[in-house]
Amino acid sequence: MTAALSPASDDMDTPVANDVAAPATEPAARPGAMKFRRKYTTVRLTPEQATRQGQVATGAFRHFGDRDAAMAFLNDHDEALGGRPLDLAIASAEGLALVEAAMAQRKV
């Protein structure tokens, strides 16, 4: 047996020193307060950037017809565009137009 266990006794109602609850030392949490908050360490997209990301992804899936081909086009560095098409499309409306033009020139 371990030291934390109380010795056997005939009277089960007798409290043992180990059974006493310690007083709370932490302040009570506010009702409704979240205990665990997400801490975003990455840069989040603005609504305009998220819209452009959706447009270029949808356009790539429709143009290439294959998920893997669309993902490869969007995520691989493109020499003609000078960067990753997904990054360029997210950065500005002009970048989105360049990426869409580059997709149109590519054969399926």
PDB file of N, CA and C in Angstrom:
ATOM      1  N   MET A   1       0.834  -1.180   0.000  1.00  0.00           N
ATOM      2  CA  MET A   1       0.000   0.000   0.000  1.00  0.00           C
ATOM      3  C   MET A   1       0.878   1.241   0.000  1.00  0.00           C
ATOM      4  N   THR A   2       0.319   2.349  -0.432  1.00  0.00           N
ATOM      5  CA  THR A   2       1.088   3.589  -0.482  1.00  0.00           C
ATOM      6  C   THR A   2       0.823   4.411   0.763  1.00  0.00           C
ATOM      7  N   ALA A   3       1.644   5.417   0.987  1.00  0.00           N
ATOM      8  CA  ALA A   3       1.520   6.262   2.173  1.00  0.00           C
ATOM      9  C   ALA A   3       0.278   7.140   2.113  1.00  0.00           C
ATOM     10  N   ALA A   4      -0.272   7.371   0.932  1.00  0.00           N
ATOM     11  CA  ALA A   4      -1.429   8.252   0.802  1.00  0.00           C
ATOM     12  C   ALA A   4      -2.716   7.591   1.287  1.00  0.00           C
ATOM     13  N   LEU A   5      -2.705   6.256   1.370  1.00  0.00           N
ATOM     14  CA  LEU A   5      -3.898   5.566   1.821  1.00  0.00           C
ATOM     15  C   LEU A   5      -4.014   5.680   3.328  1.00  0.00           C
ATOM     16  N   SER A   6      -5.243   5.767   3.800  1.00  0.00           N
ATOM     17  CA  SER A   6      -5.450   5.867   5.237  1.00  0.00           C
ATOM     18  C   SER A   6      -5.396   4.485   5.855  1.00  0.00           C
ATOM     19  N   PRO A   7      -5.011   4.401   7.104  1.00  0.00           N
ATOM     20  CA  PRO A   7      -4.955   3.097   7.759  1.00  0.00           C
ATOM     21  C   PRO A   7      -6.372   2.552   7.909  1.00  0.00           C
ATOM     22  N   ALA A   8      -6.474   1.235   7.924  1.00  0.00           N
ATOM     23  CA  ALA A   8      -7.781   0.601   8.060  1.00  0.00           C
ATOM     24  C   ALA A   8      -8.362   0.930   9.415  1.00  0.00           C
ATOM     25  N   SER A   9      -9.644   1.224   9.396  1.00  0.00           N
ATOM     26  CA  SER A   9     -10.298   1.531  10.652  1.00  0.00           C
ATOM     27  C   SER A   9     -11.684   0.937  10.623  1.00  0.00           C
ATOM     28  N   ASP A  10     -12.232   0.712  11.811  1.00  0.00           N
ATOM     29  CA  ASP A  10     -13.559   0.129  11.891  1.00  0.00           C
ATOM     30  C   ASP A  10     -14.626   1.178  11.634  1.00  0.00           C
ATOM     31  N   ASP A  11     -14.313   2.445  11.860  1.00  0.00           N
ATOM     32  CA  ASP A  11     -15.286   3.510  11.695  1.00  0.00           C
ATOM     33  C   ASP A  11     -15.070   4.197  10.355  1.00  0.00           C
ATOM     34  N   MET A  12     -15.920   3.959   9.372  1.00  0.00           N
ATOM     35  CA  MET A  12     -15.764   4.497   8.036  1.00  0.00           C
ATOM     36  C   MET A  12     -16.168   5.970   7.952  1.00  0.00           C
ATOM     37  N   ASP A  13     -16.891   6.496   8.943  1.00  0.00           N
ATOM     38  CA  ASP A  13     -17.336   7.880   8.899  1.00  0.00           C
ATOM     39  C   ASP A  13     -16.313   8.859   9.439  1.00  0.00           C
ATOM     40  N   THR A  14     -15.242   8.378   9.982  1.00  0.00           N
ATOM     41  CA  THR A  14     -14.230   9.243  10.554  1.00  0.00           C
ATOM     42  C   THR A  14     -13.373   9.822   9.435  1.00  0.00           C
ATOM     43  N   PRO A  15     -13.279  11.169   9.363  1.00  0.00           N
ATOM     44  CA  PRO A  15     -12.452  11.755   8.301  1.00  0.00           C
ATOM     45  C   PRO A  15     -10.980  11.503   8.565  1.00  0.00           C
ATOM     46  N   VAL A  16     -10.248  11.336   7.486  1.00  0.00           N
ATOM     47  CA  VAL A  16      -8.807  11.125   7.546  1.00  0.00           C
ATOM     48  C   VAL A  16      -8.149  12.405   7.046  1.00  0.00           C
ATOM     49  N   ALA A  17      -6.957  12.705   7.510  1.00  0.00           N
ATOM     50  CA  ALA A  17      -6.267  13.948   7.164  1.00  0.00           C
ATOM     51  C   ALA A  17      -6.089  14.100   5.654  1.00  0.00           C
ATOM     52  N   ASN A  18      -5.906  13.012   4.932  1.00  0.00           N
ATOM     53  CA  ASN A  18      -5.713  13.085   3.483  1.00  0.00           C
ATOM     54  C   ASN A  18      -7.009  13.406   2.740  1.00  0.00           C
ATOM     55  N   ASP A  19      -8.153  13.205   3.371  1.00  0.00           N
ATOM     56  CA  ASP A  19      -9.435  13.427   2.721  1.00  0.00           C
ATOM     57  C   ASP A  19      -9.890  14.883   2.784  1.00  0.00           C
ATOM     58  N   VAL A  20      -9.227  15.739   3.533  1.00  0.00           N
ATOM     59  CA  VAL A  20      -9.635  17.124   3.692  1.00  0.00           C
ATOM     60  C   VAL A  20      -9.262  17.902   2.435  1.00  0.00           C
ATOM     61  N   ALA A  21     -10.214  18.638   1.913  1.00  0.00           N
ATOM     62  CA  ALA A  21      -9.970  19.434   0.710  1.00  0.00           C
ATOM     63  C   ALA A  21      -9.158  20.669   1.071  1.00  0.00           C
ATOM     64  N   ALA A  22      -8.168  20.964   0.238  1.00  0.00           N
ATOM     65  CA  ALA A  22      -7.342  22.149   0.458  1.00  0.00           C
ATOM     66  C   ALA A  22      -8.134  23.376   0.029  1.00  0.00           C
ATOM     67  N   PRO A  23      -7.941  24.505   0.697  1.00  0.00           N
ATOM     68  CA  PRO A  23      -8.655  25.720   0.296  1.00  0.00           C
ATOM     69  C   PRO A  23      -8.197  26.157  -1.098  1.00  0.00           C
ATOM     70  N   ALA A  24      -9.124  26.710  -1.847  1.00  0.00           N
ATOM     71  CA  ALA A  24      -8.819  27.161  -3.210  1.00  0.00           C
ATOM     72  C   ALA A  24      -7.888  28.364  -3.155  1.00  0.00           C
ATOM     73  N   THR A  25      -6.794  28.289  -3.903  1.00  0.00           N
ATOM     74  CA  THR A  25      -5.837  29.393  -3.932  1.00  0.00           C
ATOM     75  C   THR A  25      -5.975  30.207  -5.216  1.00  0.00           C
ATOM     76  N   GLU A  26      -6.642  29.654  -6.230  1.00  0.00           N
ATOM     77  CA  GLU A  26      -6.821  30.368  -7.491  1.00  0.00           C
ATOM     78  C   GLU A  26      -8.127  31.145  -7.454  1.00  0.00           C
ATOM     79  N   PRO A  27      -8.162  32.338  -8.030  1.00  0.00           N
ATOM     80  CA  PRO A  27      -9.424  33.081  -8.069  1.00  0.00           C
ATOM     81  C   PRO A  27     -10.431  32.351  -8.944  1.00  0.00           C
ATOM     82  N   ALA A  28     -11.675  32.528  -8.622  1.00  0.00           N
ATOM     83  CA  ALA A  28     -12.733  31.884  -9.392  1.00  0.00           C
ATOM     84  C   ALA A  28     -12.768  32.458 -10.804  1.00  0.00           C
ATOM     85  N   ALA A  29     -12.985  31.580 -11.773  1.00  0.00           N
ATOM     86  CA  ALA A  29     -13.057  32.019 -13.166  1.00  0.00           C
ATOM     87  C   ALA A  29     -14.346  32.795 -13.396  1.00  0.00           C
ATOM     88  N   ARG A  30     -14.268  33.776 -14.276  1.00  0.00           N
ATOM     89  CA  ARG A  30     -15.467  34.544 -14.603  1.00  0.00           C
ATOM     90  C   ARG A  30     -16.437  33.648 -15.359  1.00  0.00           C
ATOM     91  N   PRO A  31     -17.696  33.765 -15.074  1.00  0.00           N
ATOM     92  CA  PRO A  31     -18.661  32.977 -15.840  1.00  0.00           C
ATOM     93  C   PRO A  31     -18.633  33.390 -17.304  1.00  0.00           C
ATOM     94  N   GLY A  32     -18.630  32.429 -18.181  1.00  0.00           N
ATOM     95  CA  GLY A  32     -18.633  32.712 -19.610  1.00  0.00           C
ATOM     96  C   GLY A  32     -17.264  32.985 -20.193  1.00  0.00           C
ATOM     97  N   ALA A  33     -16.229  33.064 -19.357  1.00  0.00           N
ATOM     98  CA  ALA A  33     -14.886  33.326 -19.869  1.00  0.00           C
ATOM     99  C   ALA A  33     -14.332  32.051 -20.484  1.00  0.00           C
ATOM    100  N   MET A  34     -13.663  32.190 -21.605  1.00  0.00           N
ATOM    101  CA  MET A  34     -13.081  31.022 -22.263  1.00  0.00           C
ATOM    102  C   MET A  34     -11.781  30.653 -21.563  1.00  0.00           C
ATOM    103  N   LYS A  35     -11.636  29.391 -21.249  1.00  0.00           N
ATOM    104  CA  LYS A  35     -10.411  28.936 -20.610  1.00  0.00           C
ATOM    105  C   LYS A  35      -9.287  28.788 -21.621  1.00  0.00           C
ATOM    106  N   PHE A  36      -9.638  28.343 -22.813  1.00  0.00           N
ATOM    107  CA  PHE A  36      -8.629  28.119 -23.826  1.00  0.00           C
ATOM    108  C   PHE A  36      -8.954  28.988 -25.038  1.00  0.00           C
ATOM    109  N   ARG A  37      -8.105  29.928 -25.330  1.00  0.00           N
ATOM    110  CA  ARG A  37      -8.304  30.798 -26.486  1.00  0.00           C
ATOM    111  C   ARG A  37      -7.308  30.414 -27.564  1.00  0.00           C
ATOM    112  N   ARG A  38      -7.766  30.462 -28.791  1.00  0.00           N
ATOM    113  CA  ARG A  38      -6.857  30.186 -29.890  1.00  0.00           C
ATOM    114  C   ARG A  38      -5.945  31.382 -30.081  1.00  0.00           C
ATOM    115  N   LYS A  39      -4.698  31.095 -30.183  1.00  0.00           N
ATOM    116  CA  LYS A  39      -3.732  32.151 -30.440  1.00  0.00           C
ATOM    117  C   LYS A  39      -3.210  31.953 -31.850  1.00  0.00           C
ATOM    118  N   TYR A  40      -3.628  32.836 -32.727  1.00  0.00           N
ATOM    119  CA  TYR A  40      -3.209  32.736 -34.107  1.00  0.00           C
ATOM    120  C   TYR A  40      -1.807  33.301 -34.233  1.00  0.00           C
ATOM    121  N   THR A  41      -0.910  32.459 -34.721  1.00  0.00           N
ATOM    122  CA  THR A  41       0.459  32.904 -34.898  1.00  0.00           C
ATOM    123  C   THR A  41       0.767  33.213 -36.355  1.00  0.00           C
ATOM    124  N   THR A  42      -0.163  32.883 -37.238  1.00  0.00           N
ATOM    125  CA  THR A  42       0.047  33.161 -38.651  1.00  0.00           C
ATOM    126  C   THR A  42      -0.776  34.375 -39.054  1.00  0.00           C
ATOM    127  N   VAL A  43      -0.426  34.948 -40.162  1.00  0.00           N
ATOM    128  CA  VAL A  43      -1.147  36.099 -40.678  1.00  0.00           C
ATOM    129  C   VAL A  43      -2.466  35.611 -41.252  1.00  0.00           C
ATOM    130  N   ARG A  44      -3.537  36.250 -40.872  1.00  0.00           N
ATOM    131  CA  ARG A  44      -4.848  35.869 -41.368  1.00  0.00           C
ATOM    132  C   ARG A  44      -5.184  36.698 -42.600  1.00  0.00           C
ATOM    133  N   LEU A  45      -5.951  36.098 -43.510  1.00  0.00           N
ATOM    134  CA  LEU A  45      -6.343  36.782 -44.742  1.00  0.00           C
ATOM    135  C   LEU A  45      -7.452  37.785 -44.464  1.00  0.00           C
ATOM    136  N   THR A  46      -7.401  38.886 -45.196  1.00  0.00           N
ATOM    137  CA  THR A  46      -8.500  39.847 -45.143  1.00  0.00           C
ATOM    138  C   THR A  46      -9.669  39.251 -45.932  1.00  0.00           C
ATOM    139  N   PRO A  47     -10.865  39.780 -45.775  1.00  0.00           N
ATOM    140  CA  PRO A  47     -11.987  39.258 -46.562  1.00  0.00           C
ATOM    141  C   PRO A  47     -11.756  39.339 -48.069  1.00  0.00           C
ATOM    142  N   GLU A  48     -11.106  40.401 -48.543  1.00  0.00           N
ATOM    143  CA  GLU A  48     -10.824  40.539 -49.978  1.00  0.00           C
ATOM    144  C   GLU A  48      -9.834  39.472 -50.434  1.00  0.00           C
ATOM    145  N   GLN A  49      -8.812  39.227 -49.621  1.00  0.00           N
ATOM    146  CA  GLN A  49      -7.829  38.198 -49.963  1.00  0.00           C
ATOM    147  C   GLN A  49      -8.471  36.813 -49.975  1.00  0.00           C
ATOM    148  N   ALA A  50      -9.338  36.556 -49.008  1.00  0.00           N
ATOM    149  CA  ALA A  50     -10.015  35.256 -48.951  1.00  0.00           C
ATOM    150  C   ALA A  50     -10.918  35.061 -50.171  1.00  0.00           C
ATOM    151  N   THR A  51     -11.553  36.132 -50.620  1.00  0.00           N
ATOM    152  CA  THR A  51     -12.400  36.056 -51.820  1.00  0.00           C
ATOM    153  C   THR A  51     -11.558  35.725 -53.041  1.00  0.00           C
ATOM    154  N   ARG A  52     -10.418  36.408 -53.183  1.00  0.00           N
ATOM    155  CA  ARG A  52      -9.535  36.130 -54.327  1.00  0.00           C
ATOM    156  C   ARG A  52      -8.985  34.706 -54.257  1.00  0.00           C
ATOM    157  N   GLN A  53      -8.670  34.227 -53.066  1.00  0.00           N
ATOM    158  CA  GLN A  53      -8.187  32.860 -52.915  1.00  0.00           C
ATOM    159  C   GLN A  53      -9.256  31.861 -53.381  1.00  0.00           C
ATOM    160  N   GLY A  54     -10.489  32.105 -52.994  1.00  0.00           N
ATOM    161  CA  GLY A  54     -11.576  31.238 -53.424  1.00  0.00           C
ATOM    162  C   GLY A  54     -11.790  31.274 -54.924  1.00  0.00           C
ATOM    163  N   GLN A  55     -11.682  32.468 -55.503  1.00  0.00           N
ATOM    164  CA  GLN A  55     -11.876  32.606 -56.946  1.00  0.00           C
ATOM    165  C   GLN A  55     -10.798  31.866 -57.730  1.00  0.00           C
ATOM    166  N   VAL A  56      -9.542  32.028 -57.323  1.00  0.00           N
ATOM    167  CA  VAL A  56      -8.463  31.389 -58.077  1.00  0.00           C
ATOM    168  C   VAL A  56      -8.500  29.876 -57.886  1.00  0.00           C
ATOM    169  N   ALA A  57      -8.836  29.410 -56.699  1.00  0.00           N
ATOM    170  CA  ALA A  57      -8.910  27.964 -56.462  1.00  0.00           C
ATOM    171  C   ALA A  57     -10.051  27.352 -57.265  1.00  0.00           C
ATOM    172  N   THR A  58     -11.209  27.986 -57.245  1.00  0.00           N
ATOM    173  CA  THR A  58     -12.352  27.492 -58.013  1.00  0.00           C
ATOM    174  C   THR A  58     -12.046  27.498 -59.504  1.00  0.00           C
ATOM    175  N   GLY A  59     -11.443  28.571 -59.978  1.00  0.00           N
ATOM    176  CA  GLY A  59     -11.084  28.661 -61.394  1.00  0.00           C
ATOM    177  C   GLY A  59     -10.081  27.585 -61.797  1.00  0.00           C
ATOM    178  N   ALA A  60      -9.108  27.301 -60.941  1.00  0.00           N
ATOM    179  CA  ALA A  60      -8.101  26.275 -61.248  1.00  0.00           C
ATOM    180  C   ALA A  60      -8.745  24.886 -61.279  1.00  0.00           C
ATOM    181  N   PHE A  61      -9.621  24.605 -60.346  1.00  0.00           N
ATOM    182  CA  PHE A  61     -10.285  23.300 -60.333  1.00  0.00           C
ATOM    183  C   PHE A  61     -11.144  23.120 -61.576  1.00  0.00           C
ATOM    184  N   ARG A  62     -11.836  24.167 -61.987  1.00  0.00           N
ATOM    185  CA  ARG A  62     -12.677  24.086 -63.186  1.00  0.00           C
ATOM    186  C   ARG A  62     -11.836  23.966 -64.459  1.00  0.00           C
ATOM    187  N   HIS A  63     -10.754  24.723 -64.518  1.00  0.00           N
ATOM    188  CA  HIS A  63      -9.921  24.722 -65.724  1.00  0.00           C
ATOM    189  C   HIS A  63      -9.200  23.390 -65.903  1.00  0.00           C
ATOM    190  N   PHE A  64      -8.554  22.912 -64.855  1.00  0.00           N
ATOM    191  CA  PHE A  64      -7.754  21.694 -64.968  1.00  0.00           C
ATOM    192  C   PHE A  64      -8.591  20.422 -64.819  1.00  0.00           C
ATOM    193  N   GLY A  65      -9.730  20.522 -64.161  1.00  0.00           N
ATOM    194  CA  GLY A  65     -10.609  19.367 -64.015  1.00  0.00           C
ATOM    195  C   GLY A  65     -10.093  18.291 -63.090  1.00  0.00           C
ATOM    196  N   ASP A  66      -8.908  18.476 -62.566  1.00  0.00           N
ATOM    197  CA  ASP A  66      -8.290  17.485 -61.689  1.00  0.00           C
ATOM    198  C   ASP A  66      -7.740  18.208 -60.469  1.00  0.00           C
ATOM    199  N   ARG A  67      -8.050  17.692 -59.307  1.00  0.00           N
ATOM    200  CA  ARG A  67      -7.617  18.328 -58.065  1.00  0.00           C
ATOM    201  C   ARG A  67      -6.099  18.429 -57.982  1.00  0.00           C
ATOM    202  N   ASP A  68      -5.411  17.338 -58.306  1.00  0.00           N
ATOM    203  CA  ASP A  68      -3.949  17.335 -58.185  1.00  0.00           C
ATOM    204  C   ASP A  68      -3.294  18.318 -59.150  1.00  0.00           C
ATOM    205  N   ALA A  69      -3.807  18.395 -60.364  1.00  0.00           N
ATOM    206  CA  ALA A  69      -3.247  19.335 -61.346  1.00  0.00           C
ATOM    207  C   ALA A  69      -3.492  20.780 -60.904  1.00  0.00           C
ATOM    208  N   ALA A  70      -4.684  21.058 -60.383  1.00  0.00           N
ATOM    209  CA  ALA A  70      -5.002  22.412 -59.913  1.00  0.00           C
ATOM    210  C   ALA A  70      -4.114  22.796 -58.735  1.00  0.00           C
ATOM    211  N   MET A  71      -3.950  21.883 -57.782  1.00  0.00           N
ATOM    212  CA  MET A  71      -3.111  22.167 -56.611  1.00  0.00           C
ATOM    213  C   MET A  71      -1.649  22.367 -57.019  1.00  0.00           C
ATOM    214  N   ALA A  72      -1.189  21.557 -57.953  1.00  0.00           N
ATOM    215  CA  ALA A  72       0.192  21.705 -58.422  1.00  0.00           C
ATOM    216  C   ALA A  72       0.389  23.062 -59.091  1.00  0.00           C
ATOM    217  N   PHE A  73      -0.556  23.470 -59.921  1.00  0.00           N
ATOM    218  CA  PHE A  73      -0.435  24.771 -60.581  1.00  0.00           C
ATOM    219  C   PHE A  73      -0.421  25.906 -59.563  1.00  0.00           C
ATOM    220  N   LEU A  74      -1.328  25.856 -58.606  1.00  0.00           N
ATOM    221  CA  LEU A  74      -1.446  26.953 -57.633  1.00  0.00           C
ATOM    222  C   LEU A  74      -0.264  27.033 -56.672  1.00  0.00           C
ATOM    223  N   ASN A  75       0.327  25.907 -56.326  1.00  0.00           N
ATOM    224  CA  ASN A  75       1.347  25.890 -55.279  1.00  0.00           C
ATOM    225  C   ASN A  75       2.780  25.842 -55.772  1.00  0.00           C
ATOM    226  N   ASP A  76       3.000  25.489 -57.034  1.00  0.00           N
ATOM    227  CA  ASP A  76       4.371  25.435 -57.562  1.00  0.00           C
ATOM    228  C   ASP A  76       4.795  26.818 -58.069  1.00  0.00           C
ATOM    229  N   HIS A  77       6.083  27.084 -57.968  1.00  0.00           N
ATOM    230  CA  HIS A  77       6.631  28.351 -58.467  1.00  0.00           C
ATOM    231  C   HIS A  77       6.497  28.387 -59.989  1.00  0.00           C
ATOM    232  N   ASP A  78       5.983  29.473 -60.500  1.00  0.00           N
ATOM    233  CA  ASP A  78       5.814  29.649 -61.943  1.00  0.00           C
ATOM    234  C   ASP A  78       6.790  30.730 -62.403  1.00  0.00           C
ATOM    235  N   GLU A  79       7.708  30.337 -63.297  1.00  0.00           N
ATOM    236  CA  GLU A  79       8.726  31.273 -63.772  1.00  0.00           C
ATOM    237  C   GLU A  79       8.118  32.444 -64.545  1.00  0.00           C
ATOM    238  N   ALA A  80       7.107  32.164 -65.350  1.00  0.00           N
ATOM    239  CA  ALA A  80       6.493  33.224 -66.153  1.00  0.00           C
ATOM    240  C   ALA A  80       5.806  34.263 -65.272  1.00  0.00           C
ATOM    241  N   LEU A  81       5.225  33.821 -64.173  1.00  0.00           N
ATOM    242  CA  LEU A  81       4.557  34.748 -63.253  1.00  0.00           C
ATOM    243  C   LEU A  81       5.504  35.337 -62.215  1.00  0.00           C
ATOM    244  N   GLY A  82       6.610  34.652 -61.995  1.00  0.00           N
ATOM    245  CA  GLY A  82       7.586  35.144 -61.026  1.00  0.00           C
ATOM    246  C   GLY A  82       7.233  34.815 -59.582  1.00  0.00           C
ATOM    247  N   GLY A  83       6.474  33.774 -59.369  1.00  0.00           N
ATOM    248  CA  GLY A  83       6.120  33.377 -58.003  1.00  0.00           C
ATOM    249  C   GLY A  83       5.073  32.287 -58.009  1.00  0.00           C
ATOM    250  N   ARG A  84       4.598  31.971 -56.836  1.00  0.00           N
ATOM    251  CA  ARG A  84       3.513  30.992 -56.718  1.00  0.00           C
ATOM    252  C   ARG A  84       2.207  31.645 -57.141  1.00  0.00           C
ATOM    253  N   PRO A  85       1.466  31.041 -58.057  1.00  0.00           N
ATOM    254  CA  PRO A  85       0.216  31.643 -58.506  1.00  0.00           C
ATOM    255  C   PRO A  85      -0.758  31.935 -57.366  1.00  0.00           C
ATOM    256  N   LEU A  86      -0.840  31.073 -56.392  1.00  0.00           N
ATOM    257  CA  LEU A  86      -1.761  31.304 -55.281  1.00  0.00           C
ATOM    258  C   LEU A  86      -1.387  32.569 -54.511  1.00  0.00           C
ATOM    259  N   ASP A  87      -0.100  32.751 -54.240  1.00  0.00           N
ATOM    260  CA  ASP A  87       0.345  33.950 -53.521  1.00  0.00           C
ATOM    261  C   ASP A  87       0.074  35.218 -54.323  1.00  0.00           C
ATOM    262  N   LEU A  88       0.323  35.143 -55.617  1.00  0.00           N
ATOM    263  CA  LEU A  88       0.103  36.319 -56.476  1.00  0.00           C
ATOM    264  C   LEU A  88      -1.373  36.686 -56.540  1.00  0.00           C
ATOM    265  N   ALA A  89      -2.233  35.681 -56.642  1.00  0.00           N
ATOM    266  CA  ALA A  89      -3.670  35.935 -56.726  1.00  0.00           C
ATOM    267  C   ALA A  89      -4.206  36.509 -55.425  1.00  0.00           C
ATOM    268  N   ILE A  90      -3.691  36.053 -54.311  1.00  0.00           N
ATOM    269  CA  ILE A  90      -4.154  36.546 -53.009  1.00  0.00           C
ATOM    270  C   ILE A  90      -3.684  37.984 -52.781  1.00  0.00           C
ATOM    271  N   ALA A  91      -2.503  38.320 -53.262  1.00  0.00           N
ATOM    272  CA  ALA A  91      -1.893  39.619 -52.973  1.00  0.00           C
ATOM    273  C   ALA A  91      -2.671  40.806 -53.552  1.00  0.00           C
ATOM    274  N   SER A  92      -3.205  40.659 -54.764  1.00  0.00           N
ATOM    275  CA  SER A  92      -3.885  41.807 -55.384  1.00  0.00           C
ATOM    276  C   SER A  92      -4.828  41.339 -56.481  1.00  0.00           C
ATOM    277  N   ALA A  93      -5.704  42.246 -56.872  1.00  0.00           N
ATOM    278  CA  ALA A  93      -6.625  41.958 -57.975  1.00  0.00           C
ATOM    279  C   ALA A  93      -5.854  41.819 -59.287  1.00  0.00           C
ATOM    280  N   GLU A  94      -4.776  42.591 -59.451  1.00  0.00           N
ATOM    281  CA  GLU A  94      -3.950  42.486 -60.650  1.00  0.00           C
ATOM    282  C   GLU A  94      -3.276  41.115 -60.711  1.00  0.00           C
ATOM    283  N   GLY A  95      -2.818  40.643 -59.562  1.00  0.00           N
ATOM    284  CA  GLY A  95      -2.211  39.309 -59.495  1.00  0.00           C
ATOM    285  C   GLY A  95      -3.206  38.224 -59.850  1.00  0.00           C
ATOM    286  N   LEU A  96      -4.443  38.383 -59.380  1.00  0.00           N
ATOM    287  CA  LEU A  96      -5.493  37.423 -59.719  1.00  0.00           C
ATOM    288  C   LEU A  96      -5.722  37.404 -61.226  1.00  0.00           C
ATOM    289  N   ALA A  97      -5.756  38.572 -61.852  1.00  0.00           N
ATOM    290  CA  ALA A  97      -5.962  38.650 -63.301  1.00  0.00           C
ATOM    291  C   ALA A  97      -4.806  37.986 -64.053  1.00  0.00           C
ATOM    292  N   LEU A  98      -3.570  38.193 -63.586  1.00  0.00           N
ATOM    293  CA  LEU A  98      -2.407  37.557 -64.217  1.00  0.00           C
ATOM    294  C   LEU A  98      -2.480  36.040 -64.113  1.00  0.00           C
ATOM    295  N   VAL A  99      -2.863  35.543 -62.961  1.00  0.00           N
ATOM    296  CA  VAL A  99      -2.946  34.091 -62.753  1.00  0.00           C
ATOM    297  C   VAL A  99      -4.058  33.503 -63.612  1.00  0.00           C
ATOM    298  N   GLU A 100      -5.193  34.184 -63.687  1.00  0.00           N
ATOM    299  CA  GLU A 100      -6.288  33.690 -64.530  1.00  0.00           C
ATOM    300  C   GLU A 100      -5.880  33.666 -65.996  1.00  0.00           C
ATOM    301  N   ALA A 101      -5.119  34.676 -66.440  1.00  0.00           N
ATOM    302  CA  ALA A 101      -4.632  34.712 -67.829  1.00  0.00           C
ATOM    303  C   ALA A 101      -3.640  33.567 -68.065  1.00  0.00           C
ATOM    304  N   ALA A 102      -2.786  33.297 -67.103  1.00  0.00           N
ATOM    305  CA  ALA A 102      -1.822  32.206 -67.228  1.00  0.00           C
ATOM    306  C   ALA A 102      -2.529  30.857 -67.282  1.00  0.00           C
ATOM    307  N   MET A 103      -3.603  30.707 -66.516  1.00  0.00           N
ATOM    308  CA  MET A 103      -4.381  29.458 -66.550  1.00  0.00           C
ATOM    309  C   MET A 103      -5.010  29.281 -67.922  1.00  0.00           C
ATOM    310  N   ALA A 104      -5.530  30.363 -68.481  1.00  0.00           N
ATOM    311  CA  ALA A 104      -6.205  30.281 -69.779  1.00  0.00           C
ATOM    312  C   ALA A 104      -5.225  29.859 -70.888  1.00  0.00           C
ATOM    313  N   GLN A 105      -3.960  30.235 -70.738  1.00  0.00           N
ATOM    314  CA  GLN A 105      -2.960  29.865 -71.728  1.00  0.00           C
ATOM    315  C   GLN A 105      -2.497  28.424 -71.587  1.00  0.00           C
ATOM    316  N   ARG A 106      -2.676  27.845 -70.432  1.00  0.00           N
ATOM    317  CA  ARG A 106      -2.256  26.460 -70.193  1.00  0.00           C
ATOM    318  C   ARG A 106      -3.263  25.500 -70.811  1.00  0.00           C
ATOM    319  N   LYS A 107      -2.705  24.429 -71.376  1.00  0.00           N
ATOM    320  CA  LYS A 107      -3.571  23.400 -71.928  1.00  0.00           C
ATOM    321  C   LYS A 107      -3.860  22.380 -70.831  1.00  0.00           C
ATOM    322  N   VAL A 108      -5.043  21.827 -70.936  1.00  0.00           N
ATOM    323  CA  VAL A 108      -5.476  20.860 -69.918  1.00  0.00           C
ATOM    324  C   VAL A 108      -4.847  19.539 -70.142  1.00  0.00           C
TER     325      VAL A 108
END
